[in-house]
Amino acid sequence: MRDLTNWTGCPAPAPVTLDGRYVRIVPYDRTAHLDALWQAFGGLDINARLQYFAQDDFRGIADFDAWLTAVQKSGWITQVFYDKASGDVVGMANYMRPDPANGVVEVGGVAHSFAMARSPLSTEVHYLMARHAFEGLGYRRYEWKCDNRNEASKKTANRLGFTFEGVFRQHMLSKRANRDTAWFSIIDGEWPLLKAAFEAWLSPENFSGDGTQKRKLEDIRADLAQKETA
């Protein structure tokens, strides 16, 4: 258990560059990234990909631009993902609703392009962002929240090692309707085991020549947890 006797809080998240084996994460820059993100999400097909985001559907790139500008003004730190192999922009996520005094921050506004599907990219993205929150900034709690109807997001949170904490009923409005929100978290005491599992899964030795994983992330994590308690 972490000793909080001399706790003084954490720095607020700031734009950061994070390098991995497969992805590079950089701060959002409107000139460099607005059109690249719009194209990566399929233009107006973005509305289907972001159907569980709270904002109204975008009518075009100008609406997307206005939304990105607004969320950053509200305190979100938008980070953009590059596939290091292709050099393409493939997605984004945000550090959101930071509470530096208590060491709590959320990762949200997560959007992956089709290019990230069935690849190590998305796993490494979330490993790097969580590692920065816990190790780079010293946060105690890292949150994931989603529309409770979003089964894909809930499945992803569970796979990544977040713990489900419950559903907040009528937590907010989304697209002018009530939204029940599923809450997940990782806390600092859990991070060392989760980190070890991420790094084992992301190792090149865990992939066959055609890129197929040899061991699931959940299985690696379970084995490590069993060894800890043995």
Protein backbone atom coordinates (compact mmCIF):
# COMPACT_ATOMS: atom_id res chain seq x y z
CA MET A 1 0.00 0.00 0.00
CA ARG A 2 1.36 3.40 -0.97
CA ASP A 3 2.41 5.66 1.91
CA LEU A 4 0.46 8.92 1.50
CA THR A 5 1.76 10.63 4.64
CA ASN A 6 3.66 13.22 2.61
CA TRP A 7 1.34 13.28 -0.42
CA THR A 8 1.43 16.62 -2.22
CA GLY A 9 -0.56 15.76 -5.32
CA CYS A 10 0.49 15.24 -8.94
CA PRO A 11 1.26 17.55 -11.83
CA ALA A 12 -1.61 18.15 -14.22
CA PRO A 13 -1.31 16.14 -17.42
CA ALA A 14 0.31 18.04 -20.27
CA PRO A 15 0.83 17.21 -23.94
CA VAL A 16 3.50 14.53 -24.19
CA THR A 17 5.30 12.41 -26.78
CA LEU A 18 5.46 8.68 -26.00
CA ASP A 19 7.39 6.19 -28.12
CA GLY A 20 6.75 2.47 -28.28
CA ARG A 21 7.82 -0.40 -30.51
CA TYR A 22 4.76 -0.11 -32.76
CA VAL A 23 3.28 3.34 -32.13
CA ARG A 24 4.30 6.89 -31.48
CA ILE A 25 1.92 9.10 -29.50
CA VAL A 26 2.18 12.86 -29.98
CA PRO A 27 0.24 15.95 -28.84
CA TYR A 28 -2.60 16.99 -31.12
CA ASP A 29 -1.66 19.77 -33.53
CA ARG A 30 -4.50 21.15 -35.61
CA THR A 31 -2.43 21.83 -38.71
CA ALA A 32 -0.76 18.43 -38.74
CA HIS A 33 -3.58 16.23 -37.48
CA LEU A 34 -7.10 17.56 -38.13
CA ASP A 35 -7.45 16.31 -41.70
CA ALA A 36 -5.37 13.18 -41.00
CA LEU A 37 -7.71 12.13 -38.19
CA TRP A 38 -10.80 12.94 -40.24
CA GLN A 39 -9.54 10.77 -43.08
CA ALA A 40 -8.39 7.99 -40.72
CA PHE A 41 -11.92 7.75 -39.32
CA GLY A 42 -13.48 7.66 -42.78
CA GLY A 43 -14.78 11.21 -43.14
CA LEU A 44 -18.46 11.24 -42.29
CA ASP A 45 -18.19 7.57 -41.34
CA ILE A 46 -16.70 8.99 -38.14
CA ASN A 47 -20.23 9.31 -36.79
CA ALA A 48 -20.65 5.53 -36.81
CA ARG A 49 -17.22 4.98 -35.25
CA LEU A 50 -17.92 7.56 -32.53
CA GLN A 51 -21.59 6.69 -32.05
CA TYR A 52 -21.18 6.49 -28.26
CA PHE A 53 -19.44 9.86 -27.92
CA ALA A 54 -21.65 12.44 -26.23
CA GLN A 55 -21.49 15.21 -28.85
CA ASP A 56 -23.99 15.52 -31.69
CA ASP A 57 -23.08 13.89 -35.01
CA PHE A 58 -20.61 15.85 -37.11
CA ARG A 59 -21.92 17.36 -40.33
CA GLY A 60 -18.41 17.74 -41.71
CA ILE A 61 -14.81 18.36 -40.80
CA ALA A 62 -15.61 21.86 -39.53
CA ASP A 63 -17.79 20.35 -36.79
CA PHE A 64 -15.01 17.90 -35.91
CA ASP A 65 -12.56 20.80 -35.75
CA ALA A 66 -14.88 22.80 -33.49
CA TRP A 67 -15.34 19.82 -31.16
CA LEU A 68 -11.61 19.14 -30.86
CA THR A 69 -11.02 22.82 -30.12
CA ALA A 70 -13.76 22.87 -27.49
CA VAL A 71 -12.65 19.77 -25.61
CA GLN A 72 -9.09 21.01 -25.44
CA LYS A 73 -10.28 24.35 -24.06
CA SER A 74 -12.21 22.36 -21.43
CA GLY A 75 -8.98 20.72 -20.24
CA TRP A 76 -8.71 17.53 -22.30
CA ILE A 77 -5.20 16.67 -23.47
CA THR A 78 -5.65 15.18 -26.95
CA GLN A 79 -2.99 12.69 -28.03
CA VAL A 80 -2.66 11.36 -31.59
CA PHE A 81 -1.41 7.89 -32.57
CA TYR A 82 1.03 7.16 -35.40
CA ASP A 83 1.67 3.69 -36.76
CA LYS A 84 5.48 3.61 -36.81
CA ALA A 85 5.57 1.07 -39.64
CA SER A 86 3.41 3.07 -42.07
CA GLY A 87 3.85 6.58 -40.70
CA ASP A 88 0.07 7.04 -40.79
CA VAL A 89 -2.16 8.69 -38.19
CA VAL A 90 -4.38 5.90 -36.85
CA GLY A 91 -6.25 7.21 -33.81
CA MET A 92 -6.51 9.42 -30.74
CA ALA A 93 -7.26 9.47 -27.03
CA ASN A 94 -7.36 12.08 -24.27
CA TYR A 95 -6.24 12.54 -20.72
CA MET A 96 -9.49 13.87 -19.24
CA ARG A 97 -10.93 15.31 -16.04
CA PRO A 98 -7.65 15.35 -14.12
CA ASP A 99 -7.79 15.67 -10.34
CA PRO A 100 -4.11 16.30 -9.51
CA ALA A 101 -4.80 16.90 -5.81
CA ASN A 102 -6.10 13.33 -5.46
CA GLY A 103 -4.00 11.76 -8.21
CA VAL A 104 -6.90 10.71 -10.45
CA VAL A 105 -7.13 11.02 -14.23
CA GLU A 106 -9.29 9.46 -16.94
CA VAL A 107 -8.40 8.21 -20.40
CA GLY A 108 -11.28 8.89 -22.76
CA GLY A 109 -12.41 10.19 -26.10
CA VAL A 110 -10.69 7.08 -27.46
CA ALA A 111 -11.03 6.50 -31.21
CA HIS A 112 -9.23 3.82 -33.23
CA SER A 113 -9.21 3.68 -37.02
CA PHE A 114 -9.69 0.41 -38.87
CA ALA A 115 -5.90 0.31 -39.32
CA MET A 116 -5.53 -0.43 -35.59
CA ALA A 117 -7.80 -3.47 -35.64
CA ARG A 118 -6.29 -6.87 -34.83
CA SER A 119 -2.80 -5.45 -34.30
CA PRO A 120 -0.57 -4.63 -31.32
CA LEU A 121 -1.12 -0.92 -31.91
CA SER A 122 -4.11 -0.38 -29.64
CA THR A 123 -2.67 -2.43 -26.79
CA GLU A 124 0.62 -0.55 -26.90
CA VAL A 125 -1.16 2.80 -27.04
CA HIS A 126 -2.99 2.09 -23.79
CA TYR A 127 0.10 0.62 -22.15
CA LEU A 128 2.08 3.79 -22.96
CA MET A 129 -0.64 6.17 -21.80
CA ALA A 130 -1.21 4.28 -18.54
CA ARG A 131 2.53 4.01 -17.88
CA HIS A 132 2.90 7.75 -18.31
CA ALA A 133 0.02 8.42 -15.90
CA PHE A 134 1.40 6.13 -13.18
CA GLU A 135 5.16 6.44 -13.66
CA GLY A 136 5.64 9.75 -15.44
CA LEU A 137 3.09 11.73 -13.42
CA GLY A 138 2.64 9.64 -10.26
CA TYR A 139 -1.15 9.21 -10.44
CA ARG A 140 -2.93 6.88 -8.01
CA ARG A 141 -6.00 6.06 -10.10
CA TYR A 142 -6.54 5.78 -13.85
CA GLU A 143 -10.15 5.70 -15.05
CA TRP A 144 -12.00 4.40 -18.11
CA LYS A 145 -15.66 5.32 -18.59
CA CYS A 146 -18.03 4.51 -21.42
CA ASP A 147 -21.67 4.41 -22.41
CA ASN A 148 -23.03 1.27 -20.79
CA ARG A 149 -24.40 0.16 -24.17
CA ASN A 150 -20.90 0.18 -25.66
CA GLU A 151 -20.05 -3.50 -25.35
CA ALA A 152 -16.84 -3.16 -27.39
CA SER A 153 -15.47 -0.51 -25.05
CA LYS A 154 -16.35 -2.54 -21.96
CA LYS A 155 -14.69 -5.61 -23.45
CA THR A 156 -11.57 -3.59 -24.22
CA ALA A 157 -11.40 -2.18 -20.69
CA ASN A 158 -11.62 -5.68 -19.22
CA ARG A 159 -8.99 -7.02 -21.60
CA LEU A 160 -6.58 -4.21 -20.71
CA GLY A 161 -6.90 -4.99 -17.00
CA PHE A 162 -9.26 -2.28 -15.80
CA THR A 163 -11.58 -3.30 -12.97
CA PHE A 164 -15.31 -2.77 -13.48
CA GLU A 165 -16.75 -0.69 -10.64
CA GLY A 166 -20.39 -0.30 -11.58
CA VAL A 167 -22.89 1.68 -13.64
CA PHE A 168 -23.78 5.29 -12.88
CA ARG A 169 -27.41 5.62 -13.98
CA GLN A 170 -28.38 8.75 -15.93
CA HIS A 171 -24.84 9.96 -15.38
CA MET A 172 -24.91 12.43 -18.26
CA LEU A 173 -26.59 13.45 -21.50
CA SER A 174 -25.31 11.93 -24.71
CA LYS A 175 -26.66 13.03 -28.07
CA ARG A 176 -29.56 14.69 -26.21
CA ALA A 177 -30.57 11.52 -24.36
CA ASN A 178 -29.87 9.94 -20.98
CA ARG A 179 -26.66 7.94 -20.72
CA ASP A 180 -25.84 5.30 -18.14
CA THR A 181 -22.06 5.18 -17.72
CA ALA A 182 -19.96 2.11 -16.92
CA TRP A 183 -16.94 2.92 -14.71
CA PHE A 184 -13.62 1.08 -14.73
CA SER A 185 -10.28 1.83 -13.08
CA ILE A 186 -6.71 0.76 -12.53
CA ILE A 187 -5.05 1.83 -9.27
CA ASP A 188 -1.37 2.29 -8.63
CA GLY A 189 -0.95 -0.88 -6.58
CA GLU A 190 -2.19 -2.92 -9.54
CA TRP A 191 0.07 -1.28 -12.09
CA PRO A 192 3.29 -3.34 -11.63
CA LEU A 193 1.56 -6.62 -12.49
CA LEU A 194 -0.40 -5.06 -15.35
CA LYS A 195 2.78 -3.47 -16.70
CA ALA A 196 4.60 -6.80 -16.66
CA ALA A 197 1.71 -8.43 -18.53
CA PHE A 198 1.61 -5.66 -21.15
CA GLU A 199 5.35 -5.92 -21.74
CA ALA A 200 5.25 -9.71 -22.04
CA TRP A 201 2.33 -9.55 -24.48
CA LEU A 202 3.95 -6.80 -26.59
CA SER A 203 7.27 -8.65 -26.83
CA PRO A 204 8.09 -9.78 -30.39
CA GLU A 205 8.48 -13.30 -29.00
CA ASN A 206 4.72 -13.34 -28.34
CA PHE A 207 3.89 -13.10 -32.06
CA SER A 208 4.25 -15.65 -34.84
CA GLY A 209 5.62 -14.77 -38.24
CA ASP A 210 2.20 -13.74 -39.54
CA GLY A 211 1.60 -11.45 -36.56
CA THR A 212 -0.72 -13.80 -34.66
CA GLN A 213 -0.47 -13.59 -30.88
CA LYS A 214 0.78 -16.69 -29.11
CA ARG A 215 -0.66 -15.89 -25.69
CA LYS A 216 -3.60 -13.68 -24.79
CA LEU A 217 -3.01 -10.64 -22.58
CA GLU A 218 -5.59 -11.91 -20.09
CA ASP A 219 -3.82 -15.28 -19.83
CA ILE A 220 -0.43 -13.69 -19.24
CA ARG A 221 -1.92 -11.48 -16.55
CA ALA A 222 -3.63 -14.43 -14.86
CA ASP A 223 -0.40 -16.43 -14.84
CA LEU A 224 1.53 -13.54 -13.30
CA ALA A 225 -1.15 -13.06 -10.63
CA GLN A 226 -1.05 -16.76 -9.80
CA LYS A 227 2.73 -16.66 -9.39
CA GLU A 228 2.39 -13.65 -7.06
CA THR A 229 0.06 -15.55 -4.76
CA ALA A 230 1.89 -18.90 -4.92
